[in-house]
C-alpha atoms as a PDB file:
ATOM      1  CA  MET A   1     -11.505  12.294  12.012  1.00  0.00           C
ATOM      2  CA  PHE A   2      -8.048  12.751  13.480  1.00  0.00           C
ATOM      3  CA  GLU A   3      -6.551  13.139   9.996  1.00  0.00           C
ATOM      4  CA  ASN A   4      -8.961  16.010   9.288  1.00  0.00           C
ATOM      5  CA  PHE A   5      -7.808  17.767  12.458  1.00  0.00           C
ATOM      6  CA  ILE A   6      -4.129  17.366  11.528  1.00  0.00           C
ATOM      7  CA  HIS A   7      -4.781  18.505   7.955  1.00  0.00           C
ATOM      8  CA  ALA A   8      -6.618  21.616   9.212  1.00  0.00           C
ATOM      9  CA  GLY A   9      -3.699  22.348  11.551  1.00  0.00           C
ATOM     10  CA  LEU A  10      -1.198  22.030   8.718  1.00  0.00           C
ATOM     11  CA  LYS A  11      -3.267  24.397   6.575  1.00  0.00           C
ATOM     12  CA  PHE A  12      -3.426  26.908   9.423  1.00  0.00           C
ATOM     13  CA  VAL A  13       0.349  26.775   9.969  1.00  0.00           C
ATOM     14  CA  ALA A  14       1.039  27.113   6.240  1.00  0.00           C
ATOM     15  CA  ILE A  15      -1.297  30.102   5.885  1.00  0.00           C
ATOM     16  CA  CYS A  16       0.149  31.832   8.966  1.00  0.00           C
ATOM     17  CA  ALA A  17       3.726  31.248   7.770  1.00  0.00           C
ATOM     18  CA  THR A  18       2.864  32.562   4.306  1.00  0.00           C
ATOM     19  CA  PHE A  19       1.339  35.746   5.707  1.00  0.00           C
ATOM     20  CA  PHE A  20       4.230  36.265   8.130  1.00  0.00           C
ATOM     21  CA  VAL A  21       6.918  35.863   5.464  1.00  0.00           C
ATOM     22  CA  GLY A  22       4.954  37.945   2.966  1.00  0.00           C
ATOM     23  CA  TYR A  23       4.447  40.742   5.489  1.00  0.00           C
ATOM     24  CA  SER A  24       8.112  40.794   6.489  1.00  0.00           C
ATOM     25  CA  LEU A  25       9.213  40.895   2.833  1.00  0.00           C
ATOM     26  CA  TYR A  26       6.686  43.681   2.180  1.00  0.00           C
ATOM     27  CA  ARG A  27       8.072  45.748   5.060  1.00  0.00           C
ATOM     28  CA  GLN A  28      11.627  45.213   3.850  1.00  0.00           C
ATOM     29  CA  PHE A  29      10.709  46.364   0.351  1.00  0.00           C
ATOM     30  CA  LEU A  30       9.005  49.427   1.837  1.00  0.00           C
ATOM     31  CA  THR A  31      12.095  50.423   3.773  1.00  0.00           C
ATOM     32  CA  GLU A  32      14.379  49.375   0.887  1.00  0.00           C
ATOM     33  CA  ARG A  33      16.552  47.351   3.229  1.00  0.00           C
ATOM     34  CA  LEU A  34      16.180  44.157   1.213  1.00  0.00           C
ATOM     35  CA  PHE A  35      19.126  45.031  -1.029  1.00  0.00           C
ATOM     36  CA  LEU A  36      21.277  46.428   1.791  1.00  0.00           C
ATOM     37  CA  GLN A  37      21.103  43.398   4.063  1.00  0.00           C
ATOM     38  CA  SER A  38      24.007  41.297   5.155  1.00  0.00           C
ATOM     39  CA  GLU A  39      24.525  37.783   3.853  1.00  0.00           C
ATOM     40  CA  LEU A  40      23.087  36.304   7.052  1.00  0.00           C
ATOM     41  CA  SER A  41      19.777  38.153   6.657  1.00  0.00           C
ATOM     42  CA  SER A  42      19.353  37.075   3.038  1.00  0.00           C
ATOM     43  CA  SER A  43      19.990  33.455   4.004  1.00  0.00           C
ATOM     44  CA  GLY A  44      17.312  33.866   6.699  1.00  0.00           C
ATOM     45  CA  ILE A  45      14.850  34.955   3.997  1.00  0.00           C
ATOM     46  CA  ILE A  46      15.765  31.897   1.908  1.00  0.00           C
ATOM     47  CA  ILE A  47      15.245  29.627   4.934  1.00  0.00           C
ATOM     48  CA  ALA A  48      11.856  31.258   5.661  1.00  0.00           C
ATOM     49  CA  LEU A  49      10.689  30.859   2.054  1.00  0.00           C
ATOM     50  CA  THR A  50      11.856  27.234   2.088  1.00  0.00           C
ATOM     51  CA  ALA A  51       9.871  26.613   5.294  1.00  0.00           C
ATOM     52  CA  VAL A  52       6.747  28.123   3.720  1.00  0.00           C
ATOM     53  CA  GLY A  53       7.186  25.994   0.609  1.00  0.00           C
ATOM     54  CA  PHE A  54       7.684  22.860   2.683  1.00  0.00           C
ATOM     55  CA  SER A  55       4.606  23.564   4.795  1.00  0.00           C
ATOM     56  CA  TRP A  56       2.472  23.993   1.668  1.00  0.00           C
ATOM     57  CA  PHE A  57       4.007  20.791   0.276  1.00  0.00           C
ATOM     58  CA  LEU A  58       2.864  18.985   3.444  1.00  0.00           C
ATOM     59  CA  VAL A  59      -0.632  20.428   3.063  1.00  0.00           C
ATOM     60  CA  VAL A  60      -0.888  19.220  -0.531  1.00  0.00           C
ATOM     61  CA  ILE A  61       0.700  15.795   0.047  1.00  0.00           C
ATOM     62  CA  PHE A  62      -0.574  14.910   3.543  1.00  0.00           C
ATOM     63  CA  ARG A  63      -4.226  14.203   2.725  1.00  0.00           C
ATOM     64  CA  PRO A  64      -3.668  11.735  -0.178  1.00  0.00           C
ATOM     65  CA  TRP A  65      -0.831  10.054   1.731  1.00  0.00           C
ATOM     66  CA  MET A  66      -3.032   9.460   4.787  1.00  0.00           C
ATOM     67  CA  ASN A  67      -5.796   8.070   2.561  1.00  0.00           C
ATOM     68  CA  PHE A  68      -3.261   5.674   1.003  1.00  0.00           C
ATOM     69  CA  VAL A  69      -1.971   4.542   4.418  1.00  0.00           C
ATOM     70  CA  ASN A  70      -5.526   4.026   5.702  1.00  0.00           C
ATOM     71  CA  LYS A  71      -6.357   1.859   2.680  1.00  0.00           C
ATOM     72  CA  LEU A  72      -3.215  -0.215   3.243  1.00  0.00           C
ATOM     73  CA  PHE A  73      -4.116  -1.046   6.829  1.00  0.00           C
ATOM     74  CA  ASP A  74      -7.875  -1.506   6.402  1.00  0.00           C
ATOM     75  CA  LYS A  75      -9.049  -4.913   7.511  1.00  0.00           C
ATOM     76  CA  PRO A  76     -10.917  -6.848   4.811  1.00  0.00           C
END
């Protein structure tokens, strides 16, 4: 039960982060500032995309990993 709650929370965070990064990239493309940014801003975009990728990785990996851990510690 608790694992389902954590998994739902991870999905929510991943979806929110994806929409936030997508919206900010969309606005930057609209204003054509994406190619005029400083090096610091472009590294911020790379960090944001990495965070979104990592959160989706957790969503995909977390559920099978918790099932594996639960099977390891089940009492016979």
